[in-house]
Amino acid sequence: MGYLIVFLGAGIGGATRHGVNLLVARLVGTAFPYGTMVINIVGSLIMGLCAAYFAFRGGDGQHWRLFLTTGILGGFTTFSAFSLDAAVLWERGDMLGTALYVVGSVALSLLALFLALWLGRSLLAP
């Protein structure tokens, strides 16, 4: 049942992401990735609100948590999950872990993307 709940939420989140990207592009143009930036900020804000709600008032809302956080917000932006993970490490007092997670995630993700682009060009380009 959990997979179905996440699947449905992710569809809603992905469609919402597409809509926000289109709206922001119409409003401010496409010279800078404002849409992605707005999505990441809004997604992180909503993830924080959800995390607080489920921590303090959520009770047995496991299905709602899966639907909203893993599903909708996961489809909308995985940056919100990254932000929550970093905040949890920070709240635990693990400053070194927080720094390693944030810097490592960003740097290694960018490195992986550039590596994949290079591989793709090397293997697939005419």
PDB file of N, CA and C in Angstrom:
ATOM      1  N   MET A   1       0.817  -1.201   0.000  1.00  0.00           N
ATOM      2  CA  MET A   1       0.000   0.000   0.000  1.00  0.00           C
ATOM      3  C   MET A   1       0.859   1.262   0.000  1.00  0.00           C
ATOM      4  N   GLY A   2       2.000   1.203   0.703  1.00  0.00           N
ATOM      5  CA  GLY A   2       2.883   2.352   0.778  1.00  0.00           C
ATOM      6  C   GLY A   2       3.406   2.790  -0.584  1.00  0.00           C
ATOM      7  N   TYR A   3       3.746   1.815  -1.439  1.00  0.00           N
ATOM      8  CA  TYR A   3       4.251   2.161  -2.774  1.00  0.00           C
ATOM      9  C   TYR A   3       3.194   2.874  -3.607  1.00  0.00           C
ATOM     10  N   LEU A   4       1.957   2.456  -3.496  1.00  0.00           N
ATOM     11  CA  LEU A   4       0.876   3.098  -4.241  1.00  0.00           C
ATOM     12  C   LEU A   4       0.671   4.537  -3.751  1.00  0.00           C
ATOM     13  N   ILE A   5       0.722   4.722  -2.459  1.00  0.00           N
ATOM     14  CA  ILE A   5       0.568   6.056  -1.877  1.00  0.00           C
ATOM     15  C   ILE A   5       1.682   6.982  -2.369  1.00  0.00           C
ATOM     16  N   VAL A   6       2.932   6.490  -2.352  1.00  0.00           N
ATOM     17  CA  VAL A   6       4.069   7.289  -2.817  1.00  0.00           C
ATOM     18  C   VAL A   6       3.935   7.561  -4.317  1.00  0.00           C
ATOM     19  N   PHE A   7       3.540   6.559  -5.078  1.00  0.00           N
ATOM     20  CA  PHE A   7       3.368   6.688  -6.530  1.00  0.00           C
ATOM     21  C   PHE A   7       2.365   7.784  -6.875  1.00  0.00           C
ATOM     22  N   LEU A   8       1.231   7.771  -6.215  1.00  0.00           N
ATOM     23  CA  LEU A   8       0.212   8.787  -6.481  1.00  0.00           C
ATOM     24  C   LEU A   8       0.691  10.187  -6.091  1.00  0.00           C
ATOM     25  N   GLY A   9       1.313  10.280  -4.942  1.00  0.00           N
ATOM     26  CA  GLY A   9       1.837  11.578  -4.502  1.00  0.00           C
ATOM     27  C   GLY A   9       2.917  12.098  -5.422  1.00  0.00           C
ATOM     28  N   ALA A  10       3.807  11.218  -5.888  1.00  0.00           N
ATOM     29  CA  ALA A  10       4.896  11.642  -6.773  1.00  0.00           C
ATOM     30  C   ALA A  10       4.355  12.168  -8.101  1.00  0.00           C
ATOM     31  N   GLY A  11       3.283  11.575  -8.591  1.00  0.00           N
ATOM     32  CA  GLY A  11       2.656  12.080  -9.815  1.00  0.00           C
ATOM     33  C   GLY A  11       2.131  13.485  -9.626  1.00  0.00           C
ATOM     34  N   ILE A  12       1.488  13.717  -8.509  1.00  0.00           N
ATOM     35  CA  ILE A  12       0.975  15.057  -8.197  1.00  0.00           C
ATOM     36  C   ILE A  12       2.136  16.040  -8.055  1.00  0.00           C
ATOM     37  N   GLY A  13       3.175  15.636  -7.341  1.00  0.00           N
ATOM     38  CA  GLY A  13       4.335  16.508  -7.143  1.00  0.00           C
ATOM     39  C   GLY A  13       5.053  16.825  -8.443  1.00  0.00           C
ATOM     40  N   GLY A  14       5.226  15.813  -9.303  1.00  0.00           N
ATOM     41  CA  GLY A  14       5.894  16.036 -10.583  1.00  0.00           C
ATOM     42  C   GLY A  14       5.101  16.966 -11.489  1.00  0.00           C
ATOM     43  N   ALA A  15       3.784  16.770 -11.527  1.00  0.00           N
ATOM     44  CA  ALA A  15       2.933  17.645 -12.338  1.00  0.00           C
ATOM     45  C   ALA A  15       2.956  19.072 -11.787  1.00  0.00           C
ATOM     46  N   THR A  16       2.970  19.196 -10.480  1.00  0.00           N
ATOM     47  CA  THR A  16       3.037  20.522  -9.856  1.00  0.00           C
ATOM     48  C   THR A  16       4.368  21.194 -10.173  1.00  0.00           C
ATOM     49  N   ARG A  17       5.440  20.419 -10.131  1.00  0.00           N
ATOM     50  CA  ARG A  17       6.765  20.954 -10.470  1.00  0.00           C
ATOM     51  C   ARG A  17       6.752  21.515 -11.895  1.00  0.00           C
ATOM     52  N   HIS A  18       6.209  20.755 -12.817  1.00  0.00           N
ATOM     53  CA  HIS A  18       6.142  21.194 -14.212  1.00  0.00           C
ATOM     54  C   HIS A  18       5.335  22.496 -14.320  1.00  0.00           C
ATOM     55  N   GLY A  19       4.211  22.550 -13.629  1.00  0.00           N
ATOM     56  CA  GLY A  19       3.384  23.752 -13.653  1.00  0.00           C
ATOM     57  C   GLY A  19       4.094  24.965 -13.080  1.00  0.00           C
ATOM     58  N   VAL A  20       4.792  24.793 -11.979  1.00  0.00           N
ATOM     59  CA  VAL A  20       5.535  25.901 -11.369  1.00  0.00           C
ATOM     60  C   VAL A  20       6.651  26.360 -12.307  1.00  0.00           C
ATOM     61  N   ASN A  21       7.358  25.413 -12.915  1.00  0.00           N
ATOM     62  CA  ASN A  21       8.412  25.779 -13.872  1.00  0.00           C
ATOM     63  C   ASN A  21       7.860  26.615 -15.015  1.00  0.00           C
ATOM     64  N   LEU A  22       6.723  26.201 -15.574  1.00  0.00           N
ATOM     65  CA  LEU A  22       6.110  26.952 -16.672  1.00  0.00           C
ATOM     66  C   LEU A  22       5.670  28.343 -16.215  1.00  0.00           C
ATOM     67  N   LEU A  23       5.043  28.415 -15.048  1.00  0.00           N
ATOM     68  CA  LEU A  23       4.567  29.693 -14.522  1.00  0.00           C
ATOM     69  C   LEU A  23       5.724  30.657 -14.276  1.00  0.00           C
ATOM     70  N   VAL A  24       6.755  30.184 -13.622  1.00  0.00           N
ATOM     71  CA  VAL A  24       7.897  31.048 -13.311  1.00  0.00           C
ATOM     72  C   VAL A  24       8.590  31.491 -14.611  1.00  0.00           C
ATOM     73  N   ALA A  25       8.702  30.605 -15.580  1.00  0.00           N
ATOM     74  CA  ALA A  25       9.318  30.970 -16.867  1.00  0.00           C
ATOM     75  C   ALA A  25       8.513  32.074 -17.555  1.00  0.00           C
ATOM     76  N   ARG A  26       7.187  31.986 -17.480  1.00  0.00           N
ATOM     77  CA  ARG A  26       6.345  33.041 -18.067  1.00  0.00           C
ATOM     78  C   ARG A  26       6.499  34.369 -17.337  1.00  0.00           C
ATOM     79  N   LEU A  27       6.664  34.290 -16.021  1.00  0.00           N
ATOM     80  CA  LEU A  27       6.738  35.506 -15.214  1.00  0.00           C
ATOM     81  C   LEU A  27       8.091  36.214 -15.302  1.00  0.00           C
ATOM     82  N   VAL A  28       9.188  35.454 -15.280  1.00  0.00           N
ATOM     83  CA  VAL A  28      10.504  36.083 -15.201  1.00  0.00           C
ATOM     84  C   VAL A  28      11.473  35.634 -16.288  1.00  0.00           C
ATOM     85  N   GLY A  29      11.065  34.759 -17.170  1.00  0.00           N
ATOM     86  CA  GLY A  29      11.945  34.319 -18.245  1.00  0.00           C
ATOM     87  C   GLY A  29      12.767  33.096 -17.871  1.00  0.00           C
ATOM     88  N   THR A  30      13.629  32.719 -18.797  1.00  0.00           N
ATOM     89  CA  THR A  30      14.401  31.483 -18.625  1.00  0.00           C
ATOM     90  C   THR A  30      15.922  31.707 -18.637  1.00  0.00           C
ATOM     91  N   ALA A  31      16.372  32.945 -18.497  1.00  0.00           N
ATOM     92  CA  ALA A  31      17.810  33.219 -18.528  1.00  0.00           C
ATOM     93  C   ALA A  31      18.532  32.657 -17.301  1.00  0.00           C
ATOM     94  N   PHE A  32      17.808  32.443 -16.229  1.00  0.00           N
ATOM     95  CA  PHE A  32      18.349  31.902 -14.975  1.00  0.00           C
ATOM     96  C   PHE A  32      17.358  30.852 -14.496  1.00  0.00           C
ATOM     97  N   PRO A  33      17.815  29.767 -13.844  1.00  0.00           N
ATOM     98  CA  PRO A  33      16.885  28.712 -13.415  1.00  0.00           C
ATOM     99  C   PRO A  33      16.045  29.095 -12.183  1.00  0.00           C
ATOM    100  N   TYR A  34      15.286  30.187 -12.330  1.00  0.00           N
ATOM    101  CA  TYR A  34      14.434  30.644 -11.218  1.00  0.00           C
ATOM    102  C   TYR A  34      13.405  29.587 -10.828  1.00  0.00           C
ATOM    103  N   GLY A  35      12.851  28.896 -11.803  1.00  0.00           N
ATOM    104  CA  GLY A  35      11.833  27.885 -11.507  1.00  0.00           C
ATOM    105  C   GLY A  35      12.349  26.826 -10.555  1.00  0.00           C
ATOM    106  N   THR A  36      13.522  26.281 -10.860  1.00  0.00           N
ATOM    107  CA  THR A  36      14.117  25.259  -9.996  1.00  0.00           C
ATOM    108  C   THR A  36      14.429  25.833  -8.621  1.00  0.00           C
ATOM    109  N   MET A  37      14.923  27.056  -8.594  1.00  0.00           N
ATOM    110  CA  MET A  37      15.248  27.689  -7.315  1.00  0.00           C
ATOM    111  C   MET A  37      13.986  27.865  -6.467  1.00  0.00           C
ATOM    112  N   VAL A  38      12.911  28.355  -7.074  1.00  0.00           N
ATOM    113  CA  VAL A  38      11.635  28.527  -6.363  1.00  0.00           C
ATOM    114  C   VAL A  38      11.137  27.173  -5.851  1.00  0.00           C
ATOM    115  N   ILE A  39      11.198  26.161  -6.704  1.00  0.00           N
ATOM    116  CA  ILE A  39      10.742  24.822  -6.321  1.00  0.00           C
ATOM    117  C   ILE A  39      11.538  24.298  -5.137  1.00  0.00           C
ATOM    118  N   ASN A  40      12.857  24.448  -5.175  1.00  0.00           N
ATOM    119  CA  ASN A  40      13.691  23.956  -4.076  1.00  0.00           C
ATOM    120  C   ASN A  40      13.414  24.685  -2.775  1.00  0.00           C
ATOM    121  N   ILE A  41      13.223  25.993  -2.842  1.00  0.00           N
ATOM    122  CA  ILE A  41      12.957  26.774  -1.631  1.00  0.00           C
ATOM    123  C   ILE A  41      11.571  26.454  -1.078  1.00  0.00           C
ATOM    124  N   VAL A  42      10.565  26.468  -1.931  1.00  0.00           N
ATOM    125  CA  VAL A  42       9.198  26.180  -1.484  1.00  0.00           C
ATOM    126  C   VAL A  42       9.095  24.737  -0.980  1.00  0.00           C
ATOM    127  N   GLY A  43       9.714  23.808  -1.706  1.00  0.00           N
ATOM    128  CA  GLY A  43       9.689  22.411  -1.272  1.00  0.00           C
ATOM    129  C   GLY A  43      10.341  22.226   0.087  1.00  0.00           C
ATOM    130  N   SER A  44      11.451  22.913   0.316  1.00  0.00           N
ATOM    131  CA  SER A  44      12.124  22.816   1.611  1.00  0.00           C
ATOM    132  C   SER A  44      11.285  23.440   2.724  1.00  0.00           C
ATOM    133  N   LEU A  45      10.623  24.550   2.431  1.00  0.00           N
ATOM    134  CA  LEU A  45       9.738  25.177   3.413  1.00  0.00           C
ATOM    135  C   LEU A  45       8.603  24.224   3.788  1.00  0.00           C
ATOM    136  N   ILE A  46       7.969  23.645   2.788  1.00  0.00           N
ATOM    137  CA  ILE A  46       6.854  22.726   3.050  1.00  0.00           C
ATOM    138  C   ILE A  46       7.349  21.472   3.764  1.00  0.00           C
ATOM    139  N   MET A  47       8.542  20.971   3.403  1.00  0.00           N
ATOM    140  CA  MET A  47       9.094  19.798   4.089  1.00  0.00           C
ATOM    141  C   MET A  47       9.306  20.099   5.564  1.00  0.00           C
ATOM    142  N   GLY A  48       9.808  21.293   5.873  1.00  0.00           N
ATOM    143  CA  GLY A  48       9.996  21.670   7.276  1.00  0.00           C
ATOM    144  C   GLY A  48       8.682  21.717   8.033  1.00  0.00           C
ATOM    145  N   LEU A  49       7.649  22.273   7.403  1.00  0.00           N
ATOM    146  CA  LEU A  49       6.327  22.315   8.037  1.00  0.00           C
ATOM    147  C   LEU A  49       5.777  20.912   8.255  1.00  0.00           C
ATOM    148  N   CYS A  50       5.940  20.053   7.252  1.00  0.00           N
ATOM    149  CA  CYS A  50       5.466  18.670   7.389  1.00  0.00           C
ATOM    150  C   CYS A  50       6.232  17.937   8.483  1.00  0.00           C
ATOM    151  N   ALA A  51       7.551  18.094   8.508  1.00  0.00           N
ATOM    152  CA  ALA A  51       8.371  17.421   9.518  1.00  0.00           C
ATOM    153  C   ALA A  51       7.962  17.853  10.919  1.00  0.00           C
ATOM    154  N   ALA A  52       7.736  19.150  11.099  1.00  0.00           N
ATOM    155  CA  ALA A  52       7.308  19.647  12.411  1.00  0.00           C
ATOM    156  C   ALA A  52       5.941  19.088  12.770  1.00  0.00           C
ATOM    157  N   TYR A  53       5.025  19.092  11.817  1.00  0.00           N
ATOM    158  CA  TYR A  53       3.684  18.582  12.091  1.00  0.00           C
ATOM    159  C   TYR A  53       3.733  17.108  12.483  1.00  0.00           C
ATOM    160  N   PHE A  54       4.422  16.295  11.679  1.00  0.00           N
ATOM    161  CA  PHE A  54       4.448  14.856  11.970  1.00  0.00           C
ATOM    162  C   PHE A  54       5.232  14.535  13.232  1.00  0.00           C
ATOM    163  N   ALA A  55       6.216  15.371  13.575  1.00  0.00           N
ATOM    164  CA  ALA A  55       6.974  15.151  14.812  1.00  0.00           C
ATOM    165  C   ALA A  55       6.151  15.483  16.047  1.00  0.00           C
ATOM    166  N   PHE A  56       5.335  16.542  15.975  1.00  0.00           N
ATOM    167  CA  PHE A  56       4.645  17.014  17.170  1.00  0.00           C
ATOM    168  C   PHE A  56       3.157  16.694  17.218  1.00  0.00           C
ATOM    169  N   ARG A  57       2.530  16.472  16.063  1.00  0.00           N
ATOM    170  CA  ARG A  57       1.083  16.243  16.057  1.00  0.00           C
ATOM    171  C   ARG A  57       0.641  15.102  15.163  1.00  0.00           C
ATOM    172  N   GLY A  58       1.558  14.511  14.442  1.00  0.00           N
ATOM    173  CA  GLY A  58       1.211  13.547  13.397  1.00  0.00           C
ATOM    174  C   GLY A  58       0.643  12.237  13.875  1.00  0.00           C
ATOM    175  N   GLY A  59       0.981  11.836  15.062  1.00  0.00           N
ATOM    176  CA  GLY A  59       0.459  10.578  15.579  1.00  0.00           C
ATOM    177  C   GLY A  59       0.773   9.408  14.663  1.00  0.00           C
ATOM    178  N   ASP A  60      -0.262   8.700  14.270  1.00  0.00           N
ATOM    179  CA  ASP A  60      -0.113   7.528  13.418  1.00  0.00           C
ATOM    180  C   ASP A  60      -0.332   7.854  11.945  1.00  0.00           C
ATOM    181  N   GLY A  61       0.073   9.018  11.516  1.00  0.00           N
ATOM    182  CA  GLY A  61      -0.164   9.457  10.144  1.00  0.00           C
ATOM    183  C   GLY A  61       0.867   8.972   9.145  1.00  0.00           C
ATOM    184  N   GLN A  62       1.297   7.708   9.256  1.00  0.00           N
ATOM    185  CA  GLN A  62       2.330   7.176   8.364  1.00  0.00           C
ATOM    186  C   GLN A  62       1.929   7.282   6.894  1.00  0.00           C
ATOM    187  N   HIS A  63       0.678   6.951   6.567  1.00  0.00           N
ATOM    188  CA  HIS A  63       0.245   7.038   5.171  1.00  0.00           C
ATOM    189  C   HIS A  63       0.262   8.485   4.679  1.00  0.00           C
ATOM    190  N   TRP A  64      -0.165   9.413   5.502  1.00  0.00           N
ATOM    191  CA  TRP A  64      -0.127  10.832   5.117  1.00  0.00           C
ATOM    192  C   TRP A  64       1.301  11.319   4.968  1.00  0.00           C
ATOM    193  N   ARG A  65       2.180  10.873   5.877  1.00  0.00           N
ATOM    194  CA  ARG A  65       3.589  11.257   5.793  1.00  0.00           C
ATOM    195  C   ARG A  65       4.188  10.761   4.484  1.00  0.00           C
ATOM    196  N   LEU A  66       3.940   9.506   4.140  1.00  0.00           N
ATOM    197  CA  LEU A  66       4.443   8.964   2.870  1.00  0.00           C
ATOM    198  C   LEU A  66       3.882   9.725   1.678  1.00  0.00           C
ATOM    199  N   PHE A  67       2.584   9.993   1.709  1.00  0.00           N
ATOM    200  CA  PHE A  67       1.934  10.684   0.591  1.00  0.00           C
ATOM    201  C   PHE A  67       2.486  12.099   0.405  1.00  0.00           C
ATOM    202  N   LEU A  68       2.602  12.844   1.508  1.00  0.00           N
ATOM    203  CA  LEU A  68       3.013  14.245   1.426  1.00  0.00           C
ATOM    204  C   LEU A  68       4.518  14.420   1.246  1.00  0.00           C
ATOM    205  N   THR A  69       5.324  13.740   2.062  1.00  0.00           N
ATOM    206  CA  THR A  69       6.766  14.001   2.025  1.00  0.00           C
ATOM    207  C   THR A  69       7.474  13.176   0.955  1.00  0.00           C
ATOM    208  N   THR A  70       7.371  11.877   1.007  1.00  0.00           N
ATOM    209  CA  THR A  70       8.055  11.035   0.028  1.00  0.00           C
ATOM    210  C   THR A  70       7.385  11.140  -1.335  1.00  0.00           C
ATOM    211  N   GLY A  71       6.055  11.205  -1.352  1.00  0.00           N
ATOM    212  CA  GLY A  71       5.316  11.274  -2.603  1.00  0.00           C
ATOM    213  C   GLY A  71       5.304  12.648  -3.227  1.00  0.00           C
ATOM    214  N   ILE A  72       4.440  13.522  -2.726  1.00  0.00           N
ATOM    215  CA  ILE A  72       4.271  14.842  -3.355  1.00  0.00           C
ATOM    216  C   ILE A  72       5.576  15.633  -3.356  1.00  0.00           C
ATOM    217  N   LEU A  73       6.206  15.796  -2.190  1.00  0.00           N
ATOM    218  CA  LEU A  73       7.432  16.588  -2.152  1.00  0.00           C
ATOM    219  C   LEU A  73       8.583  15.886  -2.864  1.00  0.00           C
ATOM    220  N   GLY A  74       8.619  14.551  -2.828  1.00  0.00           N
ATOM    221  CA  GLY A  74       9.640  13.817  -3.571  1.00  0.00           C
ATOM    222  C   GLY A  74       9.492  14.008  -5.069  1.00  0.00           C
ATOM    223  N   GLY A  75       8.246  14.075  -5.562  1.00  0.00           N
ATOM    224  CA  GLY A  75       8.008  14.352  -6.970  1.00  0.00           C
ATOM    225  C   GLY A  75       8.226  15.807  -7.311  1.00  0.00           C
ATOM    226  N   PHE A  76       7.946  16.667  -6.360  1.00  0.00           N
ATOM    227  CA  PHE A  76       8.100  18.118  -6.565  1.00  0.00           C
ATOM    228  C   PHE A  76       9.575  18.493  -6.558  1.00  0.00           C
ATOM    229  N   THR A  77      10.314  18.023  -5.544  1.00  0.00           N
ATOM    230  CA  THR A  77      11.746  18.302  -5.440  1.00  0.00           C
ATOM    231  C   THR A  77      12.381  17.374  -4.425  1.00  0.00           C
ATOM    232  N   THR A  78      13.465  16.708  -4.807  1.00  0.00           N
ATOM    233  CA  THR A  78      14.195  15.919  -3.816  1.00  0.00           C
ATOM    234  C   THR A  78      15.094  16.815  -2.961  1.00  0.00           C
ATOM    235  N   PHE A  79      15.233  18.054  -3.355  1.00  0.00           N
ATOM    236  CA  PHE A  79      16.029  18.994  -2.564  1.00  0.00           C
ATOM    237  C   PHE A  79      15.426  19.163  -1.177  1.00  0.00           C
ATOM    238  N   SER A  80      14.104  19.030  -1.074  1.00  0.00           N
ATOM    239  CA  SER A  80      13.465  19.159   0.229  1.00  0.00           C
ATOM    240  C   SER A  80      13.906  18.033   1.162  1.00  0.00           C
ATOM    241  N   ALA A  81      14.071  16.821   0.638  1.00  0.00           N
ATOM    242  CA  ALA A  81      14.550  15.702   1.462  1.00  0.00           C
ATOM    243  C   ALA A  81      16.001  15.949   1.868  1.00  0.00           C
ATOM    244  N   PHE A  82      16.802  16.441   0.942  1.00  0.00           N
ATOM    245  CA  PHE A  82      18.195  16.802   1.237  1.00  0.00           C
ATOM    246  C   PHE A  82      18.243  17.842   2.360  1.00  0.00           C
ATOM    247  N   SER A  83      17.396  18.853   2.254  1.00  0.00           N
ATOM    248  CA  SER A  83      17.369  19.915   3.274  1.00  0.00           C
ATOM    249  C   SER A  83      16.978  19.351   4.637  1.00  0.00           C
ATOM    250  N   LEU A  84      15.982  18.470   4.659  1.00  0.00           N
ATOM    251  CA  LEU A  84      15.552  17.875   5.929  1.00  0.00           C
ATOM    252  C   LEU A  84      16.659  17.015   6.526  1.00  0.00           C
ATOM    253  N   ASP A  85      17.316  16.195   5.703  1.00  0.00           N
ATOM    254  CA  ASP A  85      18.411  15.362   6.205  1.00  0.00           C
ATOM    255  C   ASP A  85      19.521  16.219   6.803  1.00  0.00           C
ATOM    256  N   ALA A  86      19.865  17.317   6.123  1.00  0.00           N
ATOM    257  CA  ALA A  86      20.896  18.214   6.644  1.00  0.00           C
ATOM    258  C   ALA A  86      20.457  18.843   7.965  1.00  0.00           C
ATOM    259  N   ALA A  87      19.177  19.240   8.039  1.00  0.00           N
ATOM    260  CA  ALA A  87      18.655  19.847   9.272  1.00  0.00           C
ATOM    261  C   ALA A  87      18.661  18.849  10.426  1.00  0.00           C
ATOM    262  N   VAL A  88      18.329  17.597  10.148  1.00  0.00           N
ATOM    263  CA  VAL A  88      18.333  16.570  11.201  1.00  0.00           C
ATOM    264  C   VAL A  88      19.748  16.385  11.745  1.00  0.00           C
ATOM    265  N   LEU A  89      20.731  16.305  10.858  1.00  0.00           N
ATOM    266  CA  LEU A  89      22.121  16.185  11.318  1.00  0.00           C
ATOM    267  C   LEU A  89      22.514  17.399  12.166  1.00  0.00           C
ATOM    268  N   TRP A  90      22.134  18.590  11.719  1.00  0.00           N
ATOM    269  CA  TRP A  90      22.431  19.822  12.460  1.00  0.00           C
ATOM    270  C   TRP A  90      21.763  19.804  13.833  1.00  0.00           C
ATOM    271  N   GLU A  91      20.486  19.447  13.861  1.00  0.00           N
ATOM    272  CA  GLU A  91      19.731  19.427  15.127  1.00  0.00           C
ATOM    273  C   GLU A  91      20.312  18.411  16.107  1.00  0.00           C
ATOM    274  N   ARG A  92      20.910  17.343  15.599  1.00  0.00           N
ATOM    275  CA  ARG A  92      21.556  16.344  16.455  1.00  0.00           C
ATOM    276  C   ARG A  92      22.896  16.835  16.981  1.00  0.00           C
ATOM    277  N   GLY A  93      23.334  17.997  16.499  1.00  0.00           N
ATOM    278  CA  GLY A  93      24.609  18.540  16.926  1.00  0.00           C
ATOM    279  C   GLY A  93      25.799  17.999  16.151  1.00  0.00           C
ATOM    280  N   ASP A  94      25.540  17.317  15.055  1.00  0.00           N
ATOM    281  CA  ASP A  94      26.604  16.730  14.250  1.00  0.00           C
ATOM    282  C   ASP A  94      27.037  17.719  13.173  1.00  0.00           C
ATOM    283  N   MET A  95      27.816  18.713  13.578  1.00  0.00           N
ATOM    284  CA  MET A  95      28.230  19.768  12.646  1.00  0.00           C
ATOM    285  C   MET A  95      29.130  19.219  11.545  1.00  0.00           C
ATOM    286  N   LEU A  96      30.050  18.334  11.907  1.00  0.00           N
ATOM    287  CA  LEU A  96      30.930  17.748  10.898  1.00  0.00           C
ATOM    288  C   LEU A  96      30.122  16.914   9.907  1.00  0.00           C
ATOM    289  N   GLY A  97      29.202  16.106  10.425  1.00  0.00           N
ATOM    290  CA  GLY A  97      28.343  15.313   9.548  1.00  0.00           C
ATOM    291  C   GLY A  97      27.503  16.182   8.630  1.00  0.00           C
ATOM    292  N   THR A  98      26.992  17.279   9.174  1.00  0.00           N
ATOM    293  CA  THR A  98      26.203  18.214   8.365  1.00  0.00           C
ATOM    294  C   THR A  98      27.048  18.783   7.233  1.00  0.00           C
ATOM    295  N   ALA A  99      28.233  19.256   7.573  1.00  0.00           N
ATOM    296  CA  ALA A  99      29.119  19.845   6.558  1.00  0.00           C
ATOM    297  C   ALA A  99      29.511  18.812   5.509  1.00  0.00           C
ATOM    298  N   LEU A 100      29.871  17.616   5.952  1.00  0.00           N
ATOM    299  CA  LEU A 100      30.245  16.566   4.998  1.00  0.00           C
ATOM    300  C   LEU A 100      29.076  16.191   4.101  1.00  0.00           C
ATOM    301  N   TYR A 101      27.886  16.102   4.679  1.00  0.00           N
ATOM    302  CA  TYR A 101      26.701  15.738   3.904  1.00  0.00           C
ATOM    303  C   TYR A 101      26.366  16.814   2.869  1.00  0.00           C
ATOM    304  N   VAL A 102      26.356  18.073   3.288  1.00  0.00           N
ATOM    305  CA  VAL A 102      25.988  19.164   2.385  1.00  0.00           C
ATOM    306  C   VAL A 102      27.034  19.332   1.287  1.00  0.00           C
ATOM    307  N   VAL A 103      28.291  19.496   1.690  1.00  0.00           N
ATOM    308  CA  VAL A 103      29.345  19.710   0.697  1.00  0.00           C
ATOM    309  C   VAL A 103      29.522  18.464  -0.168  1.00  0.00           C
ATOM    310  N   GLY A 104      29.525  17.302   0.477  1.00  0.00           N
ATOM    311  CA  GLY A 104      29.682  16.056  -0.279  1.00  0.00           C
ATOM    312  C   GLY A 104      28.552  15.813  -1.252  1.00  0.00           C
ATOM    313  N   SER A 105      27.323  16.030  -0.827  1.00  0.00           N
ATOM    314  CA  SER A 105      26.178  15.813  -1.710  1.00  0.00           C
ATOM    315  C   SER A 105      26.221  16.739  -2.917  1.00  0.00           C
ATOM    316  N   VAL A 106      26.466  18.018  -2.662  1.00  0.00           N
ATOM    317  CA  VAL A 106      26.474  18.984  -3.767  1.00  0.00           C
ATOM    318  C   VAL A 106      27.665  18.723  -4.682  1.00  0.00           C
ATOM    319  N   ALA A 107      28.852  18.638  -4.113  1.00  0.00           N
ATOM    320  CA  ALA A 107      30.059  18.467  -4.938  1.00  0.00           C
ATOM    321  C   ALA A 107      30.033  17.142  -5.698  1.00  0.00           C
ATOM    322  N   LEU A 108      29.710  16.053  -5.020  1.00  0.00           N
ATOM    323  CA  LEU A 108      29.728  14.751  -5.689  1.00  0.00           C
ATOM    324  C   LEU A 108      28.589  14.609  -6.693  1.00  0.00           C
ATOM    325  N   SER A 109      27.452  15.238  -6.419  1.00  0.00           N
ATOM    326  CA  SER A 109      26.354  15.210  -7.396  1.00  0.00           C
ATOM    327  C   SER A 109      26.742  15.969  -8.659  1.00  0.00           C
ATOM    328  N   LEU A 110      27.356  17.126  -8.495  1.00  0.00           N
ATOM    329  CA  LEU A 110      27.818  17.885  -9.663  1.00  0.00           C
ATOM    330  C   LEU A 110      28.904  17.117 -10.414  1.00  0.00           C
ATOM    331  N   LEU A 111      29.822  16.532  -9.680  1.00  0.00           N
ATOM    332  CA  LEU A 111      30.873  15.736 -10.305  1.00  0.00           C
ATOM    333  C   LEU A 111      30.271  14.556 -11.077  1.00  0.00           C
ATOM    334  N   ALA A 112      29.301  13.871 -10.483  1.00  0.00           N
ATOM    335  CA  ALA A 112      28.649  12.740 -11.154  1.00  0.00           C
ATOM    336  C   ALA A 112      27.943  13.194 -12.428  1.00  0.00           C
ATOM    337  N   LEU A 113      27.282  14.340 -12.377  1.00  0.00           N
ATOM    338  CA  LEU A 113      26.604  14.851 -13.561  1.00  0.00           C
ATOM    339  C   LEU A 113      27.602  15.177 -14.667  1.00  0.00           C
ATOM    340  N   PHE A 114      28.680  15.883 -14.331  1.00  0.00           N
ATOM    341  CA  PHE A 114      29.682  16.206 -15.348  1.00  0.00           C
ATOM    342  C   PHE A 114      30.346  14.940 -15.907  1.00  0.00           C
ATOM    343  N   LEU A 115      30.580  13.962 -15.056  1.00  0.00           N
ATOM    344  CA  LEU A 115      31.134  12.685 -15.512  1.00  0.00           C
ATOM    345  C   LEU A 115      30.174  12.004 -16.492  1.00  0.00           C
ATOM    346  N   ALA A 116      28.902  11.996 -16.158  1.00  0.00           N
ATOM    347  CA  ALA A 116      27.901  11.392 -17.040  1.00  0.00           C
ATOM    348  C   ALA A 116      27.809  12.136 -18.372  1.00  0.00           C
ATOM    349  N   LEU A 117      27.880  13.468 -18.336  1.00  0.00           N
ATOM    350  CA  LEU A 117      27.878  14.240 -19.576  1.00  0.00           C
ATOM    351  C   LEU A 117      29.091  13.901 -20.432  1.00  0.00           C
ATOM    352  N   TRP A 118      30.251  13.815 -19.803  1.00  0.00           N
ATOM    353  CA  TRP A 118      31.473  13.471 -20.520  1.00  0.00           C
ATOM    354  C   TRP A 118      31.361  12.071 -21.129  1.00  0.00           C
ATOM    355  N   LEU A 119      30.891  11.101 -20.321  1.00  0.00           N
ATOM    356  CA  LEU A 119      30.711   9.737 -20.823  1.00  0.00           C
ATOM    357  C   LEU A 119      29.722   9.702 -21.989  1.00  0.00           C
ATOM    358  N   GLY A 120      28.622  10.422 -21.803  1.00  0.00           N
ATOM    359  CA  GLY A 120      27.623  10.466 -22.861  1.00  0.00           C
ATOM    360  C   GLY A 120      28.182  11.030 -24.149  1.00  0.00           C
ATOM    361  N   ARG A 121      28.923  12.112 -24.053  1.00  0.00           N
ATOM    362  CA  ARG A 121      29.546  12.695 -25.249  1.00  0.00           C
ATOM    363  C   ARG A 121      30.562  11.749 -25.863  1.00  0.00           C
ATOM    364  N   SER A 122      31.348  11.104 -25.007  1.00  0.00           N
ATOM    365  CA  SER A 122      32.392  10.201 -25.491  1.00  0.00           C
ATOM    366  C   SER A 122      31.822   8.963 -26.165  1.00  0.00           C
ATOM    367  N   LEU A 123      30.757   8.433 -25.610  1.00  0.00           N
ATOM    368  CA  LEU A 123      30.192   7.186 -26.112  1.00  0.00           C
ATOM    369  C   LEU A 123      29.096   7.356 -27.149  1.00  0.00           C
ATOM    370  N   LEU A 124      28.379   8.472 -27.105  1.00  0.00           N
ATOM    371  CA  LEU A 124      27.187   8.607 -27.932  1.00  0.00           C
ATOM    372  C   LEU A 124      27.291   9.642 -29.042  1.00  0.00           C
ATOM    373  N   ALA A 125      28.163  10.625 -28.879  1.00  0.00           N
ATOM    374  CA  ALA A 125      28.260  11.690 -29.877  1.00  0.00           C
ATOM    375  C   ALA A 125      28.896  11.147 -31.166  1.00  0.00           C
ATOM    376  N   PRO A 126      28.432  11.627 -32.298  1.00  0.00           N
ATOM    377  CA  PRO A 126      29.010  11.157 -33.574  1.00  0.00           C
ATOM    378  C   PRO A 126      30.441  11.616 -33.764  1.00  0.00           C
TER     379      PRO A 126
END
